Each structure stands twice: as structure tokens, then as C-alpha cells.
PDB file of N, CA and C in Angstrom:
ATOM      1  N   MET A   1      94.345 198.164  44.947  1.00  0.00           N
ATOM      2  CA  MET A   1      92.905 198.607  44.793  1.00  0.00           C
ATOM      3  C   MET A   1      92.281 198.063  43.954  1.00  0.00           C
ATOM      4  N   TYR A   2      92.533 198.266  42.862  1.00  0.00           N
ATOM      5  CA  TYR A   2      91.809 197.082  41.657  1.00  0.00           C
ATOM      6  C   TYR A   2      91.841 195.657  42.008  1.00  0.00           C
ATOM      7  N   ASP A   3      92.839 194.983  42.416  1.00  0.00           N
ATOM      8  CA  ASP A   3      92.456 193.720  43.074  1.00  0.00           C
ATOM      9  C   ASP A   3      91.495 192.951  44.097  1.00  0.00           C
ATOM     10  N   ARG A   4      91.313 194.605  44.534  1.00  0.00           N
ATOM     11  CA  ARG A   4      90.260 194.472  45.816  1.00  0.00           C
ATOM     12  C   ARG A   4      88.662 194.329  45.158  1.00  0.00           C
ATOM     13  N   LEU A   5      88.814 195.259  44.453  1.00  0.00           N
ATOM     14  CA  LEU A   5      87.492 195.534  43.186  1.00  0.00           C
ATOM     15  C   LEU A   5      86.607 194.239  42.577  1.00  0.00           C
ATOM     16  N   GLY A   6      87.757 194.125  41.515  1.00  0.00           N
ATOM     17  CA  GLY A   6      87.544 192.946  40.697  1.00  0.00           C
ATOM     18  C   GLY A   6      87.098 193.184  39.553  1.00  0.00           C
ATOM     19  N   ILE A   7      86.955 193.078  38.303  1.00  0.00           N
ATOM     20  CA  ILE A   7      86.680 193.637  36.990  1.00  0.00           C
ATOM     21  C   ILE A   7      85.486 194.067  37.022  1.00  0.00           C
ATOM     22  N   GLY A   8      84.758 193.525  37.605  1.00  0.00           N
ATOM     23  CA  GLY A   8      83.104 193.995  37.788  1.00  0.00           C
ATOM     24  C   GLY A   8      83.033 195.511  38.405  1.00  0.00           C
ATOM     25  N   GLY A   9      83.701 195.568  39.427  1.00  0.00           N
ATOM     26  CA  GLY A   9      83.898 196.647  40.314  1.00  0.00           C
ATOM     27  C   GLY A   9      84.702 197.760  39.492  1.00  0.00           C
ATOM     28  N   VAL A  10      85.511 197.629  38.879  1.00  0.00           N
ATOM     29  CA  VAL A  10      86.008 198.618  37.808  1.00  0.00           C
ATOM     30  C   VAL A  10      85.498 198.891  36.661  1.00  0.00           C
ATOM     31  N   VAL A  11      84.397 197.697  36.019  1.00  0.00           N
ATOM     32  CA  VAL A  11      83.777 198.291  34.728  1.00  0.00           C
ATOM     33  C   VAL A  11      82.390 199.031  35.734  1.00  0.00           C
ATOM     34  N   GLY A  12      82.336 198.620  36.950  1.00  0.00           N
ATOM     35  CA  GLY A  12      80.861 199.715  37.329  1.00  0.00           C
ATOM     36  C   GLY A  12      81.403 201.163  37.673  1.00  0.00           C
ATOM     37  N   LEU A  13      82.892 201.137  38.364  1.00  0.00           N
ATOM     38  CA  LEU A  13      83.182 202.409  38.393  1.00  0.00           C
ATOM     39  C   LEU A  13      83.353 203.217  37.255  1.00  0.00           C
ATOM     40  N   LEU A  14      83.960 202.621  36.015  1.00  0.00           N
ATOM     41  CA  LEU A  14      83.914 203.414  35.190  1.00  0.00           C
ATOM     42  C   LEU A  14      82.631 203.497  34.464  1.00  0.00           C
ATOM     43  N   LEU A  15      81.800 202.739  34.453  1.00  0.00           N
ATOM     44  CA  LEU A  15      79.945 203.330  34.088  1.00  0.00           C
ATOM     45  C   LEU A  15      79.430 204.549  34.714  1.00  0.00           C
ATOM     46  N   ALA A  16      79.934 204.294  36.338  1.00  0.00           N
ATOM     47  CA  ALA A  16      79.446 205.150  37.116  1.00  0.00           C
ATOM     48  C   ALA A  16      79.754 206.714  36.842  1.00  0.00           C
ATOM     49  N   LEU A  17      81.146 206.562  36.560  1.00  0.00           N
ATOM     50  CA  LEU A  17      81.695 208.362  36.200  1.00  0.00           C
ATOM     51  C   LEU A  17      81.478 208.487  34.643  1.00  0.00           C
ATOM     52  N   GLY A  18      81.315 207.663  33.786  1.00  0.00           N
ATOM     53  CA  GLY A  18      81.044 208.067  32.315  1.00  0.00           C
ATOM     54  C   GLY A  18      79.450 208.519  32.644  1.00  0.00           C
ATOM     55  N   GLY A  19      78.431 208.176  33.109  1.00  0.00           N
ATOM     56  CA  GLY A  19      77.331 208.636  33.311  1.00  0.00           C
ATOM     57  C   GLY A  19      77.468 209.962  34.142  1.00  0.00           C
ATOM     58  N   ILE A  20      77.967 210.074  35.289  1.00  0.00           N
ATOM     59  CA  ILE A  20      78.111 211.321  35.881  1.00  0.00           C
ATOM     60  C   ILE A  20      78.509 212.590  34.711  1.00  0.00           C
ATOM     61  N   ALA A  21      79.694 211.926  33.745  1.00  0.00           N
ATOM     62  CA  ALA A  21      80.356 213.057  33.158  1.00  0.00           C
ATOM     63  C   ALA A  21      79.456 213.188  31.683  1.00  0.00           C
ATOM     64  N   LEU A  22      78.527 212.495  31.420  1.00  0.00           N
ATOM     65  CA  LEU A  22      77.658 212.331  30.110  1.00  0.00           C
ATOM     66  C   LEU A  22      76.266 213.658  31.047  1.00  0.00           C
ATOM     67  N   ILE A  23      75.829 213.315  32.201  1.00  0.00           N
ATOM     68  CA  ILE A  23      74.933 214.240  33.114  1.00  0.00           C
ATOM     69  C   ILE A  23      75.642 215.951  33.150  1.00  0.00           C
ATOM     70  N   ALA A  24      77.028 215.803  33.276  1.00  0.00           N
ATOM     71  CA  ALA A  24      77.846 217.162  33.484  1.00  0.00           C
ATOM     72  C   ALA A  24      77.884 217.965  31.950  1.00  0.00           C
ATOM     73  N   TRP A  25      77.626 216.955  31.083  1.00  0.00           N
ATOM     74  CA  TRP A  25      77.754 217.429  29.690  1.00  0.00           C
ATOM     75  C   TRP A  25      76.307 218.530  29.683  1.00  0.00           C
ATOM     76  N   GLN A  26      75.429 217.784  29.708  1.00  0.00           N
ATOM     77  CA  GLN A  26      73.998 218.464  29.562  1.00  0.00           C
ATOM     78  C   GLN A  26      73.657 219.470  30.779  1.00  0.00           C
ATOM     79  N   ALA A  27      73.915 218.755  32.425  1.00  0.00           N
ATOM     80  CA  ALA A  27      73.375 219.886  33.424  1.00  0.00           C
ATOM     81  C   ALA A  27      74.613 219.577  34.605  1.00  0.00           C
ATOM     82  N   PRO A  28      75.056 220.542  34.607  1.00  0.00           N
ATOM     83  CA  PRO A  28      76.638 220.340  35.588  1.00  0.00           C
ATOM     84  C   PRO A  28      76.084 220.664  37.165  1.00  0.00           C
ATOM     85  N   ILE A  29      75.114 221.450  37.454  1.00  0.00           N
ATOM     86  CA  ILE A  29      74.671 221.297  38.640  1.00  0.00           C
ATOM     87  C   ILE A  29      73.666 220.286  38.996  1.00  0.00           C
ATOM     88  N   VAL A  30      73.137 219.272  38.079  1.00  0.00           N
ATOM     89  CA  VAL A  30      72.201 218.000  38.448  1.00  0.00           C
ATOM     90  C   VAL A  30      73.632 217.123  38.647  1.00  0.00           C
ATOM     91  N   ALA A  31      74.451 217.125  38.108  1.00  0.00           N
ATOM     92  CA  ALA A  31      75.564 215.986  38.023  1.00  0.00           C
ATOM     93  C   ALA A  31      76.053 216.267  39.651  1.00  0.00           C
ATOM     94  N   ALA A  32      76.588 217.568  39.869  1.00  0.00           N
ATOM     95  CA  ALA A  32      77.550 217.604  41.233  1.00  0.00           C
ATOM     96  C   ALA A  32      76.141 217.399  42.141  1.00  0.00           C
ATOM     97  N   GLY A  33      74.815 217.216  41.877  1.00  0.00           N
ATOM     98  CA  GLY A  33      74.306 216.773  42.744  1.00  0.00           C
ATOM     99  C   GLY A  33      74.264 215.137  42.941  1.00  0.00           C
ATOM    100  N   LEU A  34      74.225 214.735  41.546  1.00  0.00           N
ATOM    101  CA  LEU A  34      74.139 213.143  41.803  1.00  0.00           C
ATOM    102  C   LEU A  34      75.820 212.583  42.050  1.00  0.00           C
ATOM    103  N   ALA A  35      76.382 213.553  41.904  1.00  0.00           N
ATOM    104  CA  ALA A  35      77.968 212.749  42.507  1.00  0.00           C
ATOM    105  C   ALA A  35      77.837 212.820  44.035  1.00  0.00           C
ATOM    106  N   PHE A  36      77.458 213.666  44.672  1.00  0.00           N
ATOM    107  CA  PHE A  36      77.524 213.789  46.065  1.00  0.00           C
ATOM    108  C   PHE A  36      76.339 212.734  46.527  1.00  0.00           C
ATOM    109  N   VAL A  37      75.369 212.746  45.839  1.00  0.00           N
ATOM    110  CA  VAL A  37      74.556 211.267  46.454  1.00  0.00           C
ATOM    111  C   VAL A  37      75.129 209.795  46.245  1.00  0.00           C
ATOM    112  N   LEU A  38      75.817 209.932  45.136  1.00  0.00           N
ATOM    113  CA  LEU A  38      76.549 208.561  44.717  1.00  0.00           C
ATOM    114  C   LEU A  38      77.684 208.747  46.275  1.00  0.00           C
ATOM    115  N   ALA A  39      78.699 209.429  46.385  1.00  0.00           N
ATOM    116  CA  ALA A  39      79.524 209.499  47.089  1.00  0.00           C
ATOM    117  C   ALA A  39      79.322 209.128  48.682  1.00  0.00           C
ATOM    118  N   GLY A  40      77.850 209.983  48.674  1.00  0.00           N
ATOM    119  CA  GLY A  40      77.031 209.463  50.351  1.00  0.00           C
ATOM    120  C   GLY A  40      76.923 207.980  50.771  1.00  0.00           C
ATOM    121  N   LEU A  41      76.416 207.383  49.358  1.00  0.00           N
ATOM    122  CA  LEU A  41      75.981 206.162  49.399  1.00  0.00           C
ATOM    123  C   LEU A  41      77.162 205.256  49.729  1.00  0.00           C
ATOM    124  N   ALA A  42      78.047 205.730  49.284  1.00  0.00           N
ATOM    125  CA  ALA A  42      79.152 204.537  49.046  1.00  0.00           C
ATOM    126  C   ALA A  42      79.864 204.698  50.264  1.00  0.00           C
ATOM    127  N   LEU A  43      79.831 206.203  51.153  1.00  0.00           N
ATOM    128  CA  LEU A  43      80.541 206.110  52.778  1.00  0.00           C
ATOM    129  C   LEU A  43      79.463 205.276  53.291  1.00  0.00           C
ATOM    130  N   VAL A  44      78.006 205.023  53.257  1.00  0.00           N
ATOM    131  CA  VAL A  44      77.140 204.442  53.885  1.00  0.00           C
ATOM    132  C   VAL A  44      77.015 202.818  53.837  1.00  0.00           C
ATOM    133  N   VAL A  45      77.427 202.498  52.684  1.00  0.00           N
ATOM    134  CA  VAL A  45      77.738 200.898  52.328  1.00  0.00           C
ATOM    135  C   VAL A  45      78.718 200.721  52.938  1.00  0.00           C
ATOM    136  N   ARG A  46      80.338 201.731  52.974  1.00  0.00           N
ATOM    137  CA  ARG A  46      81.434 201.161  53.289  1.00  0.00           C
ATOM    138  C   ARG A  46      81.263 201.268  54.758  1.00  0.00           C
ATOM    139  N   ALA A  47      80.864 201.542  55.548  1.00  0.00           N
ATOM    140  CA  ALA A  47      80.207 201.390  57.135  1.00  0.00           C
ATOM    141  C   ALA A  47      79.426 200.608  57.243  1.00  0.00           C
ATOM    142  N   LEU A  48      78.298 200.225  56.745  1.00  0.00           N
ATOM    143  CA  LEU A  48      78.057 199.032  57.209  1.00  0.00           C
ATOM    144  C   LEU A  48      78.572 197.519  56.775  1.00  0.00           C
ATOM    145  N   VAL A  49      79.368 197.393  55.873  1.00  0.00           N
ATOM    146  CA  VAL A  49      80.105 196.267  55.533  1.00  0.00           C
ATOM    147  C   VAL A  49      81.071 196.247  56.433  1.00  0.00           C
ATOM    148  N   GLY A  50      81.769 197.402  56.616  1.00  0.00           N
ATOM    149  CA  GLY A  50      82.593 197.216  58.050  1.00  0.00           C
ATOM    150  C   GLY A  50      82.220 196.847  59.150  1.00  0.00           C
ATOM    151  N   ASN A  51      80.888 197.191  59.405  1.00  0.00           N
ATOM    152  CA  ASN A  51      80.201 196.847  60.640  1.00  0.00           C
ATOM    153  C   ASN A  51      79.944 195.360  60.572  1.00  0.00           C
ATOM    154  N   VAL A  52      79.580 194.570  59.570  1.00  0.00           N
ATOM    155  CA  VAL A  52      79.148 193.794  59.504  1.00  0.00           C
ATOM    156  C   VAL A  52      80.652 192.464  59.552  1.00  0.00           C
ATOM    157  N   MET A  53      81.457 193.208  58.983  1.00  0.00           N
ATOM    158  CA  MET A  53      82.629 192.073  58.845  1.00  0.00           C
ATOM    159  C   MET A  53      83.103 192.113  60.399  1.00  0.00           C
ATOM    160  N   ARG A  54      83.051 193.479  61.389  1.00  0.00           N
ATOM    161  CA  ARG A  54      83.624 193.396  62.279  1.00  0.00           C
ATOM    162  C   ARG A  54      82.888 192.685  63.371  1.00  0.00           C
ATOM    163  N   GLN A  55      81.682 192.220  63.025  1.00  0.00           N
ATOM    164  CA  GLN A  55      80.471 191.471  64.067  1.00  0.00           C
ATOM    165  C   GLN A  55      81.057 190.144  63.691  1.00  0.00           C
ATOM    166  N   PHE A  56      81.663 189.783  62.292  1.00  0.00           N
ATOM    167  CA  PHE A  56      81.810 187.994  62.123  1.00  0.00           C
ATOM    168  C   PHE A  56      83.122 187.715  63.013  1.00  0.00           C
ATOM    169  N   GLY A  57      84.231 188.780  62.825  1.00  0.00           N
ATOM    170  CA  GLY A  57      85.527 189.287  63.217  1.00  0.00           C
ATOM    171  C   GLY A  57      86.762 188.989  62.178  1.00  0.00           C
ATOM    172  N   MET A  58      86.331 189.373  61.186  1.00  0.00           N
ATOM    173  CA  MET A  58      86.981 189.613  59.974  1.00  0.00           C
ATOM    174  C   MET A  58      87.829 190.635  60.076  1.00  0.00           C
ATOM    175  N   VAL A  59      88.158 191.629  60.842  1.00  0.00           N
ATOM    176  CA  VAL A  59      89.032 192.997  60.604  1.00  0.00           C
ATOM    177  C   VAL A  59      89.549 192.904  61.656  1.00  0.00           C
TER     178      VAL A  59
END
């Protein structure tokens, strides 16, 4: 998995998790909502990228 993300993706993932942890320290319910929003956004982006790659015959 790490070879697919690259160094930028790993750093971005760590920053996102660190940000959610910081928010959870102050407001756990807000952090849970933010985590759901980020997970939903990730699923949408994954589906869009998969569809584009399929249209170009890369899958």
C-alpha cells in the first residue's frame, strides 16, 4: 500500500490523522463527524478515479 501512495500520500495521511486526533482531543463528536466526512470523500474520489481509469482501459 505504501508504494502506491508515495511519500506525499503517506505524509498527507499522517497529517489528516493527526488533525483528527487534535480535534478529538478538544471535541470528540466534531472529530467523529469530520472523520465520516473524510471517509465519504475518500470513497467518492476512489470511485471517480476508478471510473476514469476504466474509461481509458487502464483497469
